[in-house]
Amino acid sequence: MWKRIAVGVLAAALVLGCRTPDGPHFPLPAQDVAAPIPDDYVRVVFFNTSNHALYFESGHIRIQLDGYQIPTIWLDRYVQVYAEPGEHELLLEHYDVLMWKSRYTVEFVGPEVFLEVYNNPTSTKYKEVDELPADFHSRFTPGRDPSDW
């Protein structure tokens, strides 16, 4: 009996220990995707399209850009940031029994970049799209407030 408890505690510690540590926070502008873009920056909009049937309450995605935390976004939520043009390190993660982390190198070019982010059974992925979905303003709402980093 005690062996099972000890194994359970160790497994929980291992899973929780795999969570990406909180780092400094990325500056979060107003979430109006029609707002003017500051000079020398790229508007980057992350929006979560994870499958509702598979991920319902576990569908949130943690995002880090160059080691800076961006607020977690849940299903049908988005978050907008302004980043410098060029290459960046993107970390996406979600928890689904285990913590699934995926690292990517992304390049931001042009005035706007739209990144659809979504959960897979063993990873967290993104896809750059040319424009926001036609139903973006009716389907997606701004991510939770900055207290949900």
C-alpha atoms as a PDB file:
ATOM      1  CA  MET A   1       0.000   0.000   0.000  1.00  0.00           C
ATOM      2  CA  TRP A   2       2.735   2.505   0.987  1.00  0.00           C
ATOM      3  CA  LYS A   3       4.700   1.649  -2.147  1.00  0.00           C
ATOM      4  CA  ARG A   4       1.725   2.656  -4.306  1.00  0.00           C
ATOM      5  CA  ILE A   5       1.345   5.934  -2.431  1.00  0.00           C
ATOM      6  CA  ALA A   6       5.068   6.670  -2.745  1.00  0.00           C
ATOM      7  CA  VAL A   7       5.013   5.891  -6.479  1.00  0.00           C
ATOM      8  CA  GLY A   8       1.952   8.131  -6.904  1.00  0.00           C
ATOM      9  CA  VAL A   9       3.597  11.018  -5.045  1.00  0.00           C
ATOM     10  CA  LEU A  10       6.801  10.651  -7.080  1.00  0.00           C
ATOM     11  CA  ALA A  11       4.848  10.514 -10.354  1.00  0.00           C
ATOM     12  CA  ALA A  12       2.889  13.650  -9.410  1.00  0.00           C
ATOM     13  CA  ALA A  13       6.114  15.464  -8.493  1.00  0.00           C
ATOM     14  CA  LEU A  14       7.645  14.466 -11.817  1.00  0.00           C
ATOM     15  CA  VAL A  15       4.654  15.698 -13.808  1.00  0.00           C
ATOM     16  CA  LEU A  16       4.457  18.975 -11.891  1.00  0.00           C
ATOM     17  CA  GLY A  17       8.210  19.417 -12.151  1.00  0.00           C
ATOM     18  CA  CYS A  18       7.970  19.307 -15.956  1.00  0.00           C
ATOM     19  CA  ARG A  19       5.864  22.468 -16.040  1.00  0.00           C
ATOM     20  CA  THR A  20       7.577  25.395 -17.669  1.00  0.00           C
ATOM     21  CA  PRO A  21       8.705  27.791 -14.950  1.00  0.00           C
ATOM     22  CA  ASP A  22       7.169  31.205 -14.930  1.00  0.00           C
ATOM     23  CA  GLY A  23       9.446  33.795 -16.402  1.00  0.00           C
ATOM     24  CA  PRO A  24       9.154  37.476 -17.090  1.00  0.00           C
ATOM     25  CA  HIS A  25       5.905  38.518 -18.728  1.00  0.00           C
ATOM     26  CA  PHE A  26       5.653  39.696 -22.318  1.00  0.00           C
ATOM     27  CA  PRO A  27       4.102  43.196 -22.524  1.00  0.00           C
ATOM     28  CA  LEU A  28       0.383  42.786 -23.135  1.00  0.00           C
ATOM     29  CA  PRO A  29      -1.283  45.538 -25.195  1.00  0.00           C
ATOM     30  CA  ALA A  30      -5.008  46.209 -25.495  1.00  0.00           C
ATOM     31  CA  GLN A  31      -6.604  43.250 -27.220  1.00  0.00           C
ATOM     32  CA  ASP A  32      -8.284  45.156 -30.065  1.00  0.00           C
ATOM     33  CA  VAL A  33      -6.986  43.395 -33.201  1.00  0.00           C
ATOM     34  CA  ALA A  34      -7.918  46.444 -35.274  1.00  0.00           C
ATOM     35  CA  ALA A  35      -5.751  48.831 -33.227  1.00  0.00           C
ATOM     36  CA  PRO A  36      -2.861  50.531 -35.026  1.00  0.00           C
ATOM     37  CA  ILE A  37       0.403  48.593 -34.970  1.00  0.00           C
ATOM     38  CA  PRO A  38       3.312  50.442 -33.336  1.00  0.00           C
ATOM     39  CA  ASP A  39       6.168  51.344 -35.679  1.00  0.00           C
ATOM     40  CA  ASP A  40       8.862  48.664 -36.043  1.00  0.00           C
ATOM     41  CA  TYR A  41       6.659  45.907 -34.586  1.00  0.00           C
ATOM     42  CA  VAL A  42       4.573  43.014 -35.900  1.00  0.00           C
ATOM     43  CA  ARG A  43       1.077  42.278 -34.585  1.00  0.00           C
ATOM     44  CA  VAL A  44       1.027  38.603 -33.531  1.00  0.00           C
ATOM     45  CA  VAL A  45      -2.347  37.050 -32.761  1.00  0.00           C
ATOM     46  CA  PHE A  46      -2.430  33.580 -31.174  1.00  0.00           C
ATOM     47  CA  PHE A  47      -5.840  31.884 -31.212  1.00  0.00           C
ATOM     48  CA  ASN A  48      -6.750  28.493 -29.723  1.00  0.00           C
ATOM     49  CA  THR A  49      -8.702  26.145 -32.018  1.00  0.00           C
ATOM     50  CA  SER A  50      -8.235  22.916 -30.034  1.00  0.00           C
ATOM     51  CA  ASN A  51     -10.940  20.292 -30.487  1.00  0.00           C
ATOM     52  CA  HIS A  52     -13.771  20.846 -27.967  1.00  0.00           C
ATOM     53  CA  ALA A  53     -14.740  17.174 -27.870  1.00  0.00           C
ATOM     54  CA  LEU A  54     -11.220  16.099 -26.921  1.00  0.00           C
ATOM     55  CA  TYR A  55      -9.979  18.966 -24.785  1.00  0.00           C
ATOM     56  CA  PHE A  56     -12.971  20.852 -23.273  1.00  0.00           C
ATOM     57  CA  GLU A  57     -11.555  21.974 -19.874  1.00  0.00           C
ATOM     58  CA  SER A  58      -7.988  20.808 -20.559  1.00  0.00           C
ATOM     59  CA  GLY A  59      -7.705  22.771 -23.794  1.00  0.00           C
ATOM     60  CA  HIS A  60      -5.759  25.738 -22.487  1.00  0.00           C
ATOM     61  CA  ILE A  61      -2.346  26.465 -23.963  1.00  0.00           C
ATOM     62  CA  ARG A  62       0.563  28.161 -22.211  1.00  0.00           C
ATOM     63  CA  ILE A  63       2.719  30.291 -24.479  1.00  0.00           C
ATOM     64  CA  GLN A  64       6.262  31.603 -24.120  1.00  0.00           C
ATOM     65  CA  LEU A  65       7.939  33.815 -26.688  1.00  0.00           C
ATOM     66  CA  ASP A  66      11.711  34.167 -26.294  1.00  0.00           C
ATOM     67  CA  GLY A  67      11.383  33.062 -22.669  1.00  0.00           C
ATOM     68  CA  TYR A  68       8.666  35.621 -21.855  1.00  0.00           C
ATOM     69  CA  GLN A  69       5.268  34.432 -20.656  1.00  0.00           C
ATOM     70  CA  ILE A  70       2.185  35.290 -22.667  1.00  0.00           C
ATOM     71  CA  PRO A  71      -1.174  34.712 -20.933  1.00  0.00           C
ATOM     72  CA  THR A  72      -2.592  31.213 -21.182  1.00  0.00           C
ATOM     73  CA  ILE A  73      -5.337  30.974 -23.780  1.00  0.00           C
ATOM     74  CA  TRP A  74      -8.288  28.643 -23.457  1.00  0.00           C
ATOM     75  CA  LEU A  75     -10.489  27.211 -26.189  1.00  0.00           C
ATOM     76  CA  ASP A  76     -11.929  29.880 -28.508  1.00  0.00           C
ATOM     77  CA  ARG A  77      -9.785  32.592 -26.932  1.00  0.00           C
ATOM     78  CA  TYR A  78      -7.019  34.712 -28.387  1.00  0.00           C
ATOM     79  CA  VAL A  79      -4.187  36.912 -27.250  1.00  0.00           C
ATOM     80  CA  GLN A  80      -2.458  39.665 -29.189  1.00  0.00           C
ATOM     81  CA  VAL A  81       1.110  40.864 -28.698  1.00  0.00           C
ATOM     82  CA  TYR A  82       3.458  43.147 -30.597  1.00  0.00           C
ATOM     83  CA  ALA A  83       6.861  41.631 -31.352  1.00  0.00           C
ATOM     84  CA  GLU A  84       9.929  42.744 -33.224  1.00  0.00           C
ATOM     85  CA  PRO A  85      10.267  41.340 -36.751  1.00  0.00           C
ATOM     86  CA  GLY A  86      12.603  38.381 -37.164  1.00  0.00           C
ATOM     87  CA  GLU A  87      13.169  34.944 -35.636  1.00  0.00           C
ATOM     88  CA  HIS A  88      11.800  34.029 -32.226  1.00  0.00           C
ATOM     89  CA  GLU A  89      11.682  30.960 -30.017  1.00  0.00           C
ATOM     90  CA  LEU A  90       8.109  29.815 -29.387  1.00  0.00           C
ATOM     91  CA  LEU A  91       7.214  27.385 -26.619  1.00  0.00           C
ATOM     92  CA  LEU A  92       3.696  25.955 -26.524  1.00  0.00           C
ATOM     93  CA  GLU A  93       2.468  23.560 -23.845  1.00  0.00           C
ATOM     94  CA  HIS A  94      -0.672  21.945 -22.550  1.00  0.00           C
ATOM     95  CA  TYR A  95      -1.505  19.489 -19.815  1.00  0.00           C
ATOM     96  CA  ASP A  96      -3.359  16.294 -20.747  1.00  0.00           C
ATOM     97  CA  VAL A  97      -2.410  13.620 -18.175  1.00  0.00           C
ATOM     98  CA  LEU A  98       1.201  14.727 -18.835  1.00  0.00           C
ATOM     99  CA  MET A  99       2.675  18.113 -19.698  1.00  0.00           C
ATOM    100  CA  TRP A 100       3.247  18.316 -23.455  1.00  0.00           C
ATOM    101  CA  LYS A 101       5.804  20.914 -24.537  1.00  0.00           C
ATOM    102  CA  SER A 102       6.668  21.848 -28.087  1.00  0.00           C
ATOM    103  CA  ARG A 103       9.434  24.274 -29.108  1.00  0.00           C
ATOM    104  CA  TYR A 104       9.572  26.013 -32.444  1.00  0.00           C
ATOM    105  CA  THR A 105      11.562  28.696 -34.182  1.00  0.00           C
ATOM    106  CA  VAL A 106       9.176  31.144 -35.838  1.00  0.00           C
ATOM    107  CA  GLU A 107       9.807  34.143 -38.036  1.00  0.00           C
ATOM    108  CA  PHE A 108       7.587  37.201 -37.860  1.00  0.00           C
ATOM    109  CA  VAL A 109       7.513  39.136 -41.130  1.00  0.00           C
ATOM    110  CA  GLY A 110       5.075  41.797 -42.212  1.00  0.00           C
ATOM    111  CA  PRO A 111       2.686  43.900 -40.294  1.00  0.00           C
ATOM    112  CA  GLU A 112       0.599  40.971 -38.982  1.00  0.00           C
ATOM    113  CA  VAL A 113       1.108  37.284 -38.168  1.00  0.00           C
ATOM    114  CA  PHE A 114      -1.791  35.006 -37.206  1.00  0.00           C
ATOM    115  CA  LEU A 115      -0.939  31.790 -35.371  1.00  0.00           C
ATOM    116  CA  GLU A 116      -3.593  29.154 -34.861  1.00  0.00           C
ATOM    117  CA  VAL A 117      -2.511  27.070 -31.849  1.00  0.00           C
ATOM    118  CA  TYR A 118      -4.034  23.731 -30.932  1.00  0.00           C
ATOM    119  CA  ASN A 119      -3.531  20.612 -28.846  1.00  0.00           C
ATOM    120  CA  ASN A 120      -2.681  17.174 -30.197  1.00  0.00           C
ATOM    121  CA  PRO A 121      -2.585  14.038 -28.045  1.00  0.00           C
ATOM    122  CA  THR A 122       1.218  14.221 -27.661  1.00  0.00           C
ATOM    123  CA  SER A 123       2.143  17.797 -28.569  1.00  0.00           C
ATOM    124  CA  THR A 124       0.980  21.369 -28.889  1.00  0.00           C
ATOM    125  CA  LYS A 125       1.135  22.711 -32.442  1.00  0.00           C
ATOM    126  CA  TYR A 126       0.710  25.909 -34.358  1.00  0.00           C
ATOM    127  CA  LYS A 127      -0.103  26.836 -37.903  1.00  0.00           C
ATOM    128  CA  GLU A 128       0.497  30.250 -39.440  1.00  0.00           C
ATOM    129  CA  VAL A 129      -2.541  31.369 -41.408  1.00  0.00           C
ATOM    130  CA  ASP A 130      -2.860  34.232 -43.882  1.00  0.00           C
ATOM    131  CA  GLU A 131      -5.829  35.850 -42.155  1.00  0.00           C
ATOM    132  CA  LEU A 132      -8.062  35.479 -39.151  1.00  0.00           C
ATOM    133  CA  PRO A 133     -10.995  33.069 -39.620  1.00  0.00           C
ATOM    134  CA  ALA A 134     -14.184  34.600 -41.037  1.00  0.00           C
ATOM    135  CA  ASP A 135     -15.969  33.902 -37.720  1.00  0.00           C
ATOM    136  CA  PHE A 136     -13.099  35.281 -35.594  1.00  0.00           C
ATOM    137  CA  HIS A 137     -15.008  38.176 -34.009  1.00  0.00           C
ATOM    138  CA  SER A 138     -18.075  36.065 -33.198  1.00  0.00           C
ATOM    139  CA  ARG A 139     -16.222  32.920 -32.088  1.00  0.00           C
ATOM    140  CA  PHE A 140     -13.104  34.159 -30.278  1.00  0.00           C
ATOM    141  CA  THR A 141     -12.846  36.408 -27.241  1.00  0.00           C
ATOM    142  CA  PRO A 142      -9.721  37.937 -25.712  1.00  0.00           C
ATOM    143  CA  GLY A 143      -7.782  35.609 -23.439  1.00  0.00           C
ATOM    144  CA  ARG A 144      -8.159  35.824 -19.729  1.00  0.00           C
ATOM    145  CA  ASP A 145      -6.817  38.836 -17.923  1.00  0.00           C
ATOM    146  CA  PRO A 146      -3.105  39.102 -17.110  1.00  0.00           C
ATOM    147  CA  SER A 147      -3.686  37.544 -13.687  1.00  0.00           C
ATOM    148  CA  ASP A 148      -4.019  34.204 -15.530  1.00  0.00           C
ATOM    149  CA  TRP A 149      -0.402  34.056 -16.622  1.00  0.00           C
END
